[in-house]
C-alpha cells in the first residue's frame, strides 16, 4: 500500500460511515443501556402516541435524554499521542468538559511536558466548566453524535 493512502482506521468516523449508519449506531448504543435511565415505558408510549411522525431516532433521543453520545478522535496531524482504544463515549449530561478531559487523560499516557486539548467539531475549543448538555445542544451533528478531536501541545516549564 502506498504511504499516502490512509487506512480505514485512520479516517475520521464521519468518512468511514454514512449518515444513515451513524444514526442507526446512535440508536444501537442507546438501546444497550436502558437500565441506566429513570424513564418509564408509559412515558415513552405517550411520547410516541403524541408524535405522529416519530422515528427511531426520536425514540432513542427520548430514551436517552440524560446521556450524550460523543465521538472522540485524534487530530489528523497529531503524531505524538496514541489512538484511543474506543472512540464512542456515552456520557452524562451533567459531566463538565473538564471532567471529561480528565477521563481522556486517564486513557492516554502523557508526558509531564504535554498538554491535551479538545476541539469541538474539529474547529473550536470550549469552556472547561461547560456541561456536556450545553456543548451537545450547541454543537451536535445532525446524526446525533457530538464530535471532538484531541491533540497535544509541547509545553516548556
Protein backbone atom coordinates (compact mmCIF):
# COMPACT_ATOMS: atom_id res chain seq x y z
CA UNK A 1 0.00 0.00 0.00
CA UNK A 2 1.44 3.42 -0.92
CA UNK A 3 2.30 5.63 2.08
CA UNK A 4 -0.13 8.38 1.06
CA UNK A 5 -3.20 6.12 1.26
CA UNK A 6 -4.90 6.18 4.62
CA UNK A 7 -6.33 3.04 6.14
CA UNK A 8 -9.95 2.92 7.25
CA UNK A 9 -8.88 3.17 10.91
CA UNK A 10 -7.11 6.46 10.27
CA UNK A 11 -10.08 8.05 8.50
CA UNK A 12 -12.45 10.19 10.57
CA UNK A 13 -15.62 8.49 11.79
CA UNK A 14 -17.83 10.59 9.52
CA UNK A 15 -15.90 9.49 6.44
CA UNK A 16 -15.94 5.82 7.39
CA UNK A 17 -19.72 5.63 7.81
CA UNK A 18 -22.69 7.21 6.05
CA UNK A 19 -25.31 9.33 7.86
CA UNK A 20 -27.89 6.52 7.99
CA UNK A 21 -25.36 4.11 9.51
CA UNK A 22 -24.33 6.68 12.10
CA UNK A 23 -27.97 7.31 13.05
CA UNK A 24 -28.51 3.56 13.45
CA UNK A 25 -25.43 3.35 15.66
CA UNK A 26 -26.81 6.15 17.84
CA UNK A 27 -29.93 4.10 18.50
CA UNK A 28 -27.99 0.86 18.95
CA UNK A 29 -25.68 2.39 21.54
CA UNK A 30 -28.56 3.94 23.41
CA UNK A 31 -30.59 0.72 23.35
CA UNK A 32 -27.76 -1.15 25.11
CA UNK A 33 -28.13 0.97 28.24
CA UNK A 34 -31.87 1.12 29.04
CA UNK A 35 -31.47 0.36 32.74
CA UNK A 36 -29.32 3.42 33.43
CA UNK A 37 -32.11 5.92 32.96
CA UNK A 38 -35.17 6.69 35.08
CA UNK A 39 -37.62 6.63 32.16
CA UNK A 40 -40.83 4.65 32.38
CA UNK A 41 -42.29 2.80 29.42
CA UNK A 42 -45.57 4.68 29.87
CA UNK A 43 -43.81 7.99 29.18
CA UNK A 44 -42.24 6.59 26.02
CA UNK A 45 -45.54 5.17 24.76
CA UNK A 46 -47.24 8.50 25.45
CA UNK A 47 -44.50 10.32 23.57
CA UNK A 48 -44.75 8.01 20.56
CA UNK A 49 -48.54 8.35 20.50
CA UNK A 50 -48.33 12.15 20.55
CA UNK A 51 -45.73 12.31 17.78
CA UNK A 52 -47.41 11.09 14.62
CA UNK A 53 -44.21 11.17 12.61
CA UNK A 54 -41.89 9.78 15.26
CA UNK A 55 -38.85 7.89 14.08
CA UNK A 56 -36.39 5.54 15.70
CA UNK A 57 -34.03 8.47 16.24
CA UNK A 58 -36.76 10.40 18.06
CA UNK A 59 -37.49 7.34 20.21
CA UNK A 60 -33.82 6.99 21.12
CA UNK A 61 -33.49 10.68 21.93
CA UNK A 62 -36.31 10.36 24.46
CA UNK A 63 -34.98 7.09 25.83
CA UNK A 64 -31.53 8.53 26.44
CA UNK A 65 -32.39 12.09 27.29
CA UNK A 66 -29.84 12.10 30.15
CA UNK A 67 -26.84 10.86 28.14
CA UNK A 68 -24.71 12.49 25.47
CA UNK A 69 -23.09 10.48 22.69
CA UNK A 70 -19.60 11.69 21.93
CA UNK A 71 -17.09 10.54 19.32
CA UNK A 72 -13.51 11.46 20.21
CA UNK A 73 -10.83 11.08 17.54
CA UNK A 74 -7.19 12.03 17.31
CA UNK A 75 -6.33 15.13 15.30
CA UNK A 76 -5.25 14.16 11.78
CA UNK A 77 -1.80 15.76 12.03
CA UNK A 78 -1.18 14.55 15.61
CA UNK A 79 1.91 12.33 15.77
CA UNK A 80 2.74 12.11 19.49
CA UNK A 81 -0.48 10.86 21.09
CA UNK A 82 -1.68 7.28 20.61
CA UNK A 83 -5.08 6.36 19.24
CA UNK A 84 -7.76 5.69 21.84
CA UNK A 85 -8.92 2.08 22.12
CA UNK A 86 -12.51 3.28 21.68
CA UNK A 87 -13.83 6.43 20.09
CA UNK A 88 -17.50 6.40 21.14
CA UNK A 89 -18.50 7.53 24.62
CA UNK A 90 -21.91 7.73 26.29
CA UNK A 91 -21.53 10.38 28.99
CA UNK A 92 -23.97 12.00 31.45
CA UNK A 93 -25.26 15.46 30.58
CA UNK A 94 -24.10 16.93 33.90
CA UNK A 95 -20.45 15.96 33.29
CA UNK A 96 -18.31 19.04 32.65
CA UNK A 97 -15.77 19.31 29.87
CA UNK A 98 -13.01 19.42 32.49
CA UNK A 99 -14.17 16.13 33.97
CA UNK A 100 -14.42 14.58 30.52
CA UNK A 101 -10.90 15.78 29.73
CA UNK A 102 -9.67 14.08 32.93
CA UNK A 103 -11.32 10.83 31.79
CA UNK A 104 -9.47 11.07 28.49
CA UNK A 105 -6.16 11.92 30.18
CA UNK A 106 -6.50 8.71 32.21
CA UNK A 107 -6.82 6.72 28.99
CA UNK A 108 -3.89 8.42 27.25
CA UNK A 109 -0.41 8.32 28.79
CA UNK A 110 1.05 11.81 28.57
CA UNK A 111 4.49 13.12 29.44
CA UNK A 112 4.70 15.89 32.01
CA UNK A 113 5.58 18.37 29.27
CA UNK A 114 2.49 17.61 27.16
CA UNK A 115 -0.91 19.24 27.30
CA UNK A 116 -4.12 17.72 25.95
CA UNK A 117 -6.63 19.85 24.07
CA UNK A 118 -10.16 19.02 22.93
CA UNK A 119 -11.59 20.62 19.81
CA UNK A 120 -15.34 20.60 19.27
CA UNK A 121 -16.27 19.58 15.71
CA UNK A 122 -12.57 19.90 14.85
CA UNK A 123 -12.55 23.69 14.94
CA UNK A 124 -13.19 25.30 18.33
CA UNK A 125 -12.33 24.90 21.99
CA UNK A 126 -14.89 25.39 24.72
CA UNK A 127 -15.01 26.37 28.35
CA UNK A 128 -13.93 23.54 30.67
CA UNK A 129 -16.74 24.37 33.12
CA UNK A 130 -19.46 23.94 30.48
CA UNK A 131 -21.62 20.85 30.86
CA UNK A 132 -21.83 18.21 28.16
CA UNK A 133 -25.52 19.09 27.74
CA UNK A 134 -24.62 22.69 26.85
CA UNK A 135 -21.91 21.62 24.42
CA UNK A 136 -24.17 18.97 22.88
CA UNK A 137 -27.05 21.39 22.34
CA UNK A 138 -24.78 23.91 20.61
CA UNK A 139 -22.51 21.64 18.55
CA UNK A 140 -24.21 18.30 17.93
CA UNK A 141 -24.15 16.86 14.44
CA UNK A 142 -27.35 16.02 12.53
CA UNK A 143 -26.57 12.32 13.02
CA UNK A 144 -26.94 12.65 16.81
CA UNK A 145 -23.26 12.46 17.77
CA UNK A 146 -21.09 15.18 19.27
CA UNK A 147 -17.70 15.10 17.52
CA UNK A 148 -14.50 16.01 19.36
CA UNK A 149 -10.86 15.89 18.33
CA UNK A 150 -7.92 15.62 20.72
CA UNK A 151 -4.44 16.98 20.15
CA UNK A 152 -1.31 17.62 22.19
CA UNK A 153 1.00 20.56 22.52
CA UNK A 154 4.54 20.51 23.85
CA UNK A 155 4.88 22.84 26.81
CA UNK A 156 8.05 24.16 28.41
CA UNK A 157 8.44 24.51 32.12
